[in-house]
Amino acid sequence: MEESFCLACVGISFQISVSEHEWRPWLEQRYESFLVDAAPDWRVSLHHDAKLANTRGMWASHTPTETAFQINDHHGRINLDARIAEIYAHSIERAAVALERILSYVYAIILPVDYNGLLLHASGLANSRYAFAFSGASGSGKSTIAKLAGSGTQVMSDETVLVTCQGGDAVLSSTPFWGINTPEAIVQRRRIDRPLRAIFFLKQDSEFFLRQLSEAEAILSLFESQKAAVERTATAQAWLASASALISAAPIYELGFRPTPDLWPFLLSQGFEVTES
């Protein structure tokens, strides 16, 4: 008999049903800060399949309403119209990896359409007043930025954050979705929502520099960081409108940096107090 719990970010709730009795308490503890008692917007079922342990291969196929996928040792499908998803994995740890990938994908698709928002592949840092997003390709330094954060700064995630725009303002929200290779000892899954002060696209360099991107450059940088969000033409127009709203609400920069704590004084000199003492 399946057991279930409900988690939510930015008000979008998912009922997670699991086929293995021991999976539910482990997953509930993992997502404790994001658990809600609410009618679900989506229903996701996690299934155990021991035969997947040695499976390899990556593919995805799309129709206007459904995506089927395999990512090595887990696979499943997502139905956007019915708002359901099925995931198969060989272990509880891989089930969590698969779940977080699928929920991130769902957010990337539905945020622009229904919430005037975007999923950002970014580290999010928050002080007591604002939040900042540090984005870039794999290896650009998102996790490094999270590790450099001082004690006066809250790390929202080192991999995935959500931004929504209303009335000309942007709000950055944390997720429980951290990097797959991030050591669990440093992961802090907690619910944080702050006004978004700025987005920085990272470029590791020998010298610190900051360059504000033009609207066209910002659109391209956002697109490069989340191409999956525009795989369907029905979503692409909504994504572009949400990206334009975000650019109007918060400045977007290219940030050249060395991976040292000297980054924070540099940003402060540019008017951005990311960390607080």
Protein backbone atom coordinates (compact mmCIF):
# COMPACT_ATOMS: atom_id res chain seq x y z
CA MET A 1 0.00 0.00 0.00
CA GLU A 2 1.39 3.40 -1.00
CA GLU A 3 2.06 6.10 1.60
CA SER A 4 2.20 9.80 0.80
CA PHE A 5 3.15 13.27 1.97
CA CYS A 6 2.84 16.74 0.44
CA LEU A 7 5.59 19.31 -0.22
CA ALA A 8 5.42 22.76 -1.79
CA CYS A 9 7.52 25.65 -3.08
CA VAL A 10 6.07 29.05 -4.08
CA GLY A 11 2.60 27.71 -3.32
CA ILE A 12 2.70 24.82 -5.82
CA SER A 13 2.04 21.60 -3.95
CA PHE A 14 2.98 18.04 -4.85
CA GLN A 15 1.56 14.89 -3.29
CA ILE A 16 4.41 12.37 -3.23
CA SER A 17 3.26 8.74 -3.01
CA VAL A 18 5.87 6.05 -2.33
CA SER A 19 5.65 2.30 -2.82
CA GLU A 20 8.21 1.38 -0.15
CA HIS A 21 7.22 1.83 3.51
CA GLU A 22 10.71 2.94 4.65
CA TRP A 23 10.99 5.59 1.94
CA ARG A 24 8.33 7.95 3.29
CA PRO A 25 9.89 8.86 6.70
CA TRP A 26 13.32 9.32 5.11
CA LEU A 27 11.95 11.62 2.41
CA GLU A 28 9.78 13.52 4.88
CA GLN A 29 12.83 14.25 7.02
CA ARG A 30 14.76 15.34 3.92
CA TYR A 31 12.05 17.85 2.92
CA GLU A 32 10.82 18.74 6.40
CA SER A 33 10.86 22.53 5.93
CA PHE A 34 8.80 22.24 2.74
CA LEU A 35 6.06 19.90 3.97
CA VAL A 36 2.52 21.27 3.80
CA ASP A 37 -1.00 20.14 4.63
CA ALA A 38 -2.77 21.19 1.45
CA ALA A 39 -4.74 19.86 -1.48
CA PRO A 40 -2.10 18.91 -4.07
CA ASP A 41 -1.75 20.63 -7.41
CA TRP A 42 0.31 17.68 -8.68
CA ARG A 43 0.55 14.00 -7.88
CA VAL A 44 3.85 12.16 -8.12
CA SER A 45 4.38 8.45 -7.49
CA LEU A 46 7.75 6.90 -6.66
CA HIS A 47 8.22 3.19 -7.42
CA HIS A 48 10.96 0.74 -6.50
CA ASP A 49 12.54 -1.25 -9.34
CA ALA A 50 15.65 -3.16 -8.24
CA LYS A 51 16.48 -4.10 -11.85
CA LEU A 52 17.49 -0.50 -12.56
CA ALA A 53 20.65 -0.70 -10.41
CA ASN A 54 22.96 -1.33 -13.37
CA THR A 55 20.98 0.50 -16.04
CA ARG A 56 22.76 3.06 -18.20
CA GLY A 57 21.51 5.40 -20.87
CA MET A 58 19.96 8.86 -21.16
CA TRP A 59 17.08 9.92 -23.36
CA ALA A 60 13.89 11.97 -23.32
CA SER A 61 10.92 12.18 -25.65
CA HIS A 62 8.22 14.84 -25.73
CA THR A 63 4.66 15.19 -26.95
CA PRO A 64 2.59 18.38 -26.47
CA THR A 65 1.41 17.10 -23.08
CA GLU A 66 3.84 14.39 -21.93
CA THR A 67 7.54 13.82 -21.37
CA ALA A 68 9.04 10.36 -20.96
CA PHE A 69 12.65 10.05 -19.83
CA GLN A 70 15.48 7.83 -18.63
CA ILE A 71 18.50 9.20 -16.79
CA ASN A 72 20.74 6.19 -16.19
CA ASP A 73 19.28 4.33 -13.21
CA HIS A 74 15.87 6.03 -13.02
CA HIS A 75 13.11 6.67 -15.50
CA GLY A 76 9.52 7.82 -15.68
CA ARG A 77 7.01 10.10 -17.32
CA ILE A 78 5.36 13.47 -16.72
CA ASN A 79 1.87 14.35 -17.92
CA LEU A 80 1.45 18.13 -17.94
CA ASP A 81 -2.29 18.10 -18.63
CA ALA A 82 -3.17 15.56 -15.94
CA ARG A 83 -0.52 17.00 -13.58
CA ILE A 84 0.84 13.61 -12.66
CA ALA A 85 4.28 12.02 -12.79
CA GLU A 86 5.65 8.51 -12.27
CA ILE A 87 9.23 7.75 -11.28
CA TYR A 88 11.02 4.40 -11.02
CA ALA A 89 14.33 4.02 -9.16
CA HIS A 90 16.35 1.20 -7.62
CA SER A 91 17.04 2.78 -4.20
CA ILE A 92 15.79 5.48 -1.88
CA GLU A 93 18.79 7.72 -2.59
CA ARG A 94 18.29 7.47 -6.34
CA ALA A 95 14.55 8.02 -5.87
CA ALA A 96 15.32 11.34 -4.17
CA VAL A 97 17.67 12.35 -7.00
CA ALA A 98 15.03 11.46 -9.57
CA LEU A 99 12.25 13.23 -7.66
CA GLU A 100 14.23 16.45 -7.39
CA ARG A 101 15.13 16.40 -11.07
CA ILE A 102 11.50 15.85 -12.06
CA LEU A 103 10.09 18.51 -9.74
CA SER A 104 12.71 20.96 -11.02
CA TYR A 105 11.63 20.17 -14.59
CA VAL A 106 7.97 20.65 -13.72
CA TYR A 107 8.73 24.02 -12.11
CA ALA A 108 10.70 25.07 -15.20
CA ILE A 109 7.67 24.32 -17.38
CA ILE A 110 4.76 25.59 -15.27
CA LEU A 111 6.23 28.66 -13.53
CA PRO A 112 6.28 30.82 -16.68
CA VAL A 113 2.80 29.71 -17.74
CA ASP A 114 0.94 29.97 -14.44
CA TYR A 115 3.01 32.13 -12.06
CA ASN A 116 5.00 34.65 -14.14
CA GLY A 117 8.16 33.07 -12.83
CA LEU A 118 11.27 31.13 -13.73
CA LEU A 119 13.36 28.32 -12.35
CA LEU A 120 16.98 29.44 -12.07
CA HIS A 121 19.91 27.04 -12.06
CA ALA A 122 21.69 29.09 -9.46
CA SER A 123 23.03 29.37 -5.96
CA GLY A 124 20.77 31.59 -3.92
CA LEU A 125 22.12 33.64 -1.02
CA ALA A 126 19.96 35.68 1.32
CA ASN A 127 20.64 38.24 4.02
CA SER A 128 17.98 39.67 6.32
CA ARG A 129 16.59 41.97 3.59
CA TYR A 130 17.40 40.68 0.11
CA ALA A 131 18.34 37.64 -1.94
CA PHE A 132 20.93 37.27 -4.69
CA ALA A 133 21.18 34.59 -7.39
CA PHE A 134 24.51 33.36 -8.78
CA SER A 135 23.95 31.43 -11.99
CA GLY A 136 26.04 29.79 -14.68
CA ALA A 137 26.88 26.57 -16.45
CA SER A 138 28.07 23.47 -14.61
CA GLY A 139 31.52 24.18 -13.20
CA SER A 140 31.13 27.97 -13.27
CA GLY A 141 31.22 28.25 -9.48
CA LYS A 142 27.64 28.02 -8.14
CA SER A 143 28.57 25.54 -5.42
CA THR A 144 31.80 27.44 -4.69
CA ILE A 145 29.76 30.59 -4.08
CA ALA A 146 27.58 28.69 -1.61
CA LYS A 147 30.66 27.39 0.22
CA LEU A 148 32.12 30.90 0.45
CA ALA A 149 28.99 32.30 2.11
CA GLY A 150 29.69 33.67 5.58
CA SER A 151 27.84 32.94 8.80
CA GLY A 152 25.66 36.02 8.32
CA THR A 153 24.28 34.70 5.04
CA GLN A 154 21.66 32.03 4.42
CA VAL A 155 22.23 29.65 1.52
CA MET A 156 18.93 29.01 -0.24
CA SER A 157 20.33 26.27 -2.50
CA ASP A 158 23.54 25.69 -4.44
CA GLU A 159 21.68 24.42 -7.52
CA THR A 160 18.07 25.51 -8.00
CA VAL A 161 16.03 28.51 -6.86
CA LEU A 162 12.69 29.91 -8.04
CA VAL A 163 11.82 33.50 -8.90
CA THR A 164 8.34 34.97 -9.30
CA CYS A 165 7.41 38.47 -10.50
CA GLN A 166 4.37 40.43 -9.38
CA GLY A 167 3.66 44.14 -9.70
CA GLY A 168 7.13 44.95 -10.95
CA ASP A 169 8.89 43.19 -8.06
CA ALA A 170 10.77 39.88 -8.05
CA VAL A 171 10.93 37.42 -5.15
CA LEU A 172 13.53 34.66 -4.91
CA SER A 173 12.46 31.45 -3.16
CA SER A 174 14.54 28.57 -1.92
CA THR A 175 14.04 24.95 -2.88
CA PRO A 176 15.15 21.70 -1.25
CA PHE A 177 16.88 20.76 -4.52
CA TRP A 178 20.65 20.91 -4.06
CA GLY A 179 23.47 19.69 -6.28
CA ILE A 180 23.66 15.94 -6.77
CA ASN A 181 27.30 15.88 -5.64
CA THR A 182 26.95 18.39 -2.80
CA PRO A 183 28.03 16.74 0.48
CA GLU A 184 24.94 16.16 2.57
CA ALA A 185 26.72 17.54 5.63
CA ILE A 186 26.63 21.08 4.22
CA VAL A 187 23.11 20.96 2.76
CA GLN A 188 20.60 23.22 4.51
CA ARG A 189 17.08 22.70 3.23
CA ARG A 190 15.04 25.57 4.59
CA ARG A 191 12.21 27.74 3.34
CA ILE A 192 13.39 31.28 2.51
CA ASP A 193 11.68 33.98 0.44
CA ARG A 194 13.31 37.37 -0.13
CA PRO A 195 13.02 40.26 -2.61
CA LEU A 196 15.53 39.60 -5.39
CA ARG A 197 18.26 42.25 -5.47
CA ALA A 198 20.30 41.03 -8.46
CA ILE A 199 21.30 38.04 -10.60
CA PHE A 200 24.98 37.38 -11.36
CA PHE A 201 26.13 35.10 -14.18
CA LEU A 202 29.47 33.72 -13.07
CA LYS A 203 32.78 33.77 -14.90
CA GLN A 204 35.88 32.68 -13.00
CA ASP A 205 38.65 35.18 -13.73
CA SER A 206 41.95 36.42 -12.34
CA GLU A 207 40.36 39.77 -11.54
CA PHE A 208 37.00 40.82 -10.12
CA PHE A 209 34.70 42.69 -12.50
CA LEU A 210 31.00 43.43 -12.84
CA ARG A 211 29.22 44.24 -16.11
CA GLN A 212 25.49 44.81 -16.38
CA LEU A 213 24.00 42.82 -19.24
CA SER A 214 21.79 44.36 -21.89
CA GLU A 215 18.26 43.01 -22.16
CA ALA A 216 19.23 40.83 -25.13
CA GLU A 217 22.30 39.48 -23.31
CA ALA A 218 20.26 38.80 -20.17
CA ILE A 219 17.59 36.94 -22.15
CA LEU A 220 20.26 34.81 -23.83
CA SER A 221 21.99 34.05 -20.51
CA LEU A 222 18.71 33.01 -18.89
CA PHE A 223 17.87 30.87 -21.91
CA GLU A 224 21.25 29.14 -21.90
CA SER A 225 20.74 28.22 -18.23
CA GLN A 226 17.32 26.58 -18.73
CA LYS A 227 16.76 25.44 -22.31
CA ALA A 228 14.34 22.74 -21.17
CA ALA A 229 11.80 25.41 -20.25
CA VAL A 230 11.25 26.29 -23.92
CA GLU A 231 11.18 22.80 -25.43
CA ARG A 232 7.46 23.27 -26.11
CA THR A 233 6.30 26.17 -28.25
CA ALA A 234 3.29 26.63 -25.94
CA THR A 235 5.68 27.37 -23.09
CA ALA A 236 8.22 29.45 -25.00
CA GLN A 237 6.08 32.59 -25.26
CA ALA A 238 5.22 32.50 -21.55
CA TRP A 239 8.90 31.94 -20.71
CA LEU A 240 9.94 34.98 -22.75
CA ALA A 241 7.31 37.16 -21.04
CA SER A 242 8.45 35.98 -17.60
CA ALA A 243 12.11 36.54 -18.47
CA SER A 244 11.30 40.08 -19.63
CA ALA A 245 9.41 40.76 -16.40
CA LEU A 246 12.39 39.49 -14.39
CA ILE A 247 14.84 41.69 -16.29
CA SER A 248 12.64 44.72 -15.57
CA ALA A 249 12.42 43.84 -11.88
CA ALA A 250 16.06 43.03 -11.07
CA PRO A 251 19.41 43.90 -12.69
CA ILE A 252 21.40 41.07 -14.28
CA TYR A 253 25.19 41.10 -14.45
CA GLU A 254 28.19 39.16 -15.64
CA LEU A 255 30.42 38.66 -12.61
CA GLY A 256 34.09 37.89 -12.96
CA PHE A 257 35.49 36.52 -9.72
CA ARG A 258 38.21 34.61 -7.99
CA PRO A 259 36.93 31.84 -5.70
CA THR A 260 37.95 33.59 -2.48
CA PRO A 261 36.07 35.47 0.28
CA ASP A 262 37.39 38.68 -1.34
CA LEU A 263 34.31 38.42 -3.52
CA TRP A 264 32.08 39.87 -0.80
CA PRO A 265 34.04 43.11 -0.24
CA PHE A 266 34.17 43.55 -4.03
CA LEU A 267 30.40 43.24 -4.35
CA LEU A 268 29.93 45.57 -1.39
CA SER A 269 32.08 48.15 -3.19
CA GLN A 270 29.66 47.84 -6.12
CA GLY A 271 26.64 48.48 -3.88
CA PHE A 272 25.62 44.86 -3.13
CA GLU A 273 25.76 43.82 0.53
CA VAL A 274 25.41 40.08 0.01
CA THR A 275 26.84 38.99 3.34
CA GLU A 276 26.16 40.48 6.74
CA SER A 277 28.56 40.41 9.68
